[in-house]
Amino acid sequence: MIVAAATDEGRLLLGLDRGIGDLRRYPPGSHAGVAVVEPRKVRIR
C-alpha cells in the first residue's frame, strides 16, 4: 500500500485520488502528510 510505504519513510504523499484525503480512514497524526491535488480542467480550442 502506498500510504503505508510513505508513512514508513516519513514522506508526504501527493496524489490525485480523493480517497487518500478521507480523514476517517487516514486521520491526522497517522501519517507524515497527505495532499490531494485537483488539477484544473484544460480546454483545448
N, C-alpha and C. Protein backbone atom coordinates (compact mmCIF):
# COMPACT_ATOMS: atom_id res chain seq x y z
N MET A 1 0.85 -1.18 0.00
CA MET A 1 0.00 0.00 0.00
C MET A 1 0.89 1.24 0.00
N ILE A 2 0.56 2.19 -0.82
CA ILE A 2 1.37 3.39 -0.99
C ILE A 2 1.35 4.26 0.26
N VAL A 3 0.20 4.39 0.90
CA VAL A 3 0.11 5.21 2.12
C VAL A 3 1.02 4.64 3.21
N ALA A 4 1.02 3.34 3.36
CA ALA A 4 1.87 2.70 4.37
C ALA A 4 3.35 2.91 4.06
N ALA A 5 3.74 2.80 2.80
CA ALA A 5 5.14 2.99 2.41
C ALA A 5 5.57 4.43 2.68
N ALA A 6 4.73 5.40 2.34
CA ALA A 6 5.06 6.80 2.60
C ALA A 6 5.17 7.06 4.09
N THR A 7 4.27 6.47 4.88
CA THR A 7 4.30 6.64 6.33
C THR A 7 5.56 6.04 6.93
N ASP A 8 5.93 4.85 6.48
CA ASP A 8 7.15 4.19 6.98
C ASP A 8 8.39 5.03 6.73
N GLU A 9 8.41 5.77 5.62
CA GLU A 9 9.57 6.58 5.27
C GLU A 9 9.43 8.03 5.73
N GLY A 10 8.31 8.36 6.38
CA GLY A 10 8.10 9.72 6.86
C GLY A 10 7.93 10.73 5.74
N ARG A 11 7.32 10.28 4.64
CA ARG A 11 7.17 11.14 3.47
C ARG A 11 5.74 11.62 3.30
N LEU A 12 5.61 12.81 2.76
CA LEU A 12 4.32 13.37 2.37
C LEU A 12 3.84 12.63 1.13
N LEU A 13 2.58 12.30 1.09
CA LEU A 13 2.00 11.64 -0.08
C LEU A 13 1.20 12.65 -0.87
N LEU A 14 1.54 12.81 -2.11
CA LEU A 14 0.86 13.73 -3.02
C LEU A 14 0.15 12.89 -4.06
N GLY A 15 -1.16 13.12 -4.24
CA GLY A 15 -1.89 12.30 -5.19
C GLY A 15 -3.11 12.98 -5.75
N LEU A 16 -3.73 12.31 -6.70
CA LEU A 16 -4.94 12.80 -7.34
C LEU A 16 -6.20 12.12 -6.80
N ASP A 17 -6.04 11.07 -6.03
CA ASP A 17 -7.15 10.27 -5.52
C ASP A 17 -7.75 10.91 -4.27
N ARG A 18 -9.00 11.30 -4.35
CA ARG A 18 -9.66 11.93 -3.19
C ARG A 18 -9.78 10.97 -2.01
N GLY A 19 -9.72 9.68 -2.25
CA GLY A 19 -9.83 8.69 -1.19
C GLY A 19 -8.74 8.81 -0.15
N ILE A 20 -7.54 9.24 -0.55
CA ILE A 20 -6.46 9.38 0.43
C ILE A 20 -6.64 10.62 1.30
N GLY A 21 -7.58 11.46 0.93
CA GLY A 21 -7.87 12.65 1.74
C GLY A 21 -8.96 12.41 2.77
N ASP A 22 -9.44 11.17 2.89
CA ASP A 22 -10.51 10.83 3.83
C ASP A 22 -9.96 10.80 5.26
N LEU A 23 -10.34 11.78 6.06
CA LEU A 23 -9.83 11.90 7.43
C LEU A 23 -10.27 10.75 8.33
N ARG A 24 -11.37 10.12 8.01
CA ARG A 24 -11.81 8.97 8.83
C ARG A 24 -10.90 7.76 8.59
N ARG A 25 -10.45 7.62 7.37
CA ARG A 25 -9.60 6.48 7.03
C ARG A 25 -8.12 6.76 7.35
N TYR A 26 -7.70 8.01 7.14
CA TYR A 26 -6.31 8.41 7.38
C TYR A 26 -6.30 9.64 8.29
N PRO A 27 -6.56 9.47 9.59
CA PRO A 27 -6.64 10.62 10.50
C PRO A 27 -5.29 11.33 10.67
N PRO A 28 -5.32 12.63 10.94
CA PRO A 28 -4.08 13.37 11.18
C PRO A 28 -3.27 12.70 12.29
N GLY A 29 -1.96 12.64 12.10
CA GLY A 29 -1.09 12.01 13.07
C GLY A 29 -0.79 10.56 12.75
N SER A 30 -1.55 9.97 11.82
CA SER A 30 -1.31 8.58 11.45
C SER A 30 -0.36 8.47 10.24
N HIS A 31 0.07 9.61 9.73
CA HIS A 31 0.96 9.65 8.56
C HIS A 31 1.73 10.96 8.58
N ALA A 32 2.72 11.08 7.70
CA ALA A 32 3.54 12.30 7.65
C ALA A 32 2.81 13.44 6.96
N GLY A 33 1.82 13.13 6.18
CA GLY A 33 1.04 14.15 5.50
C GLY A 33 0.48 13.63 4.19
N VAL A 34 -0.68 14.14 3.83
CA VAL A 34 -1.34 13.76 2.58
C VAL A 34 -1.83 15.04 1.92
N ALA A 35 -1.56 15.19 0.64
CA ALA A 35 -2.07 16.32 -0.13
C ALA A 35 -2.76 15.77 -1.36
N VAL A 36 -4.01 16.16 -1.55
CA VAL A 36 -4.77 15.74 -2.72
C VAL A 36 -4.83 16.94 -3.66
N VAL A 37 -4.40 16.72 -4.88
CA VAL A 37 -4.33 17.78 -5.88
C VAL A 37 -5.45 17.57 -6.89
N GLU A 38 -6.16 18.64 -7.19
CA GLU A 38 -7.20 18.59 -8.21
C GLU A 38 -6.82 19.58 -9.30
N PRO A 39 -6.19 19.07 -10.36
CA PRO A 39 -5.76 19.98 -11.42
C PRO A 39 -6.96 20.60 -12.12
N ARG A 40 -6.74 21.80 -12.61
CA ARG A 40 -7.79 22.48 -13.35
C ARG A 40 -8.04 21.75 -14.67
N LYS A 41 -9.25 21.85 -15.12
CA LYS A 41 -9.56 21.27 -16.42
C LYS A 41 -8.98 22.18 -17.49
N VAL A 42 -8.35 21.58 -18.46
CA VAL A 42 -7.74 22.33 -19.54
C VAL A 42 -8.63 22.23 -20.76
N ARG A 43 -8.95 23.37 -21.30
CA ARG A 43 -9.76 23.38 -22.52
C ARG A 43 -8.85 23.63 -23.71
N ILE A 44 -9.00 22.80 -24.71
CA ILE A 44 -8.22 22.97 -25.93
C ILE A 44 -9.18 23.45 -27.00
N ARG A 45 -8.81 24.56 -27.57
CA ARG A 45 -9.71 25.14 -28.61
C ARG A 45 -9.08 25.03 -29.96
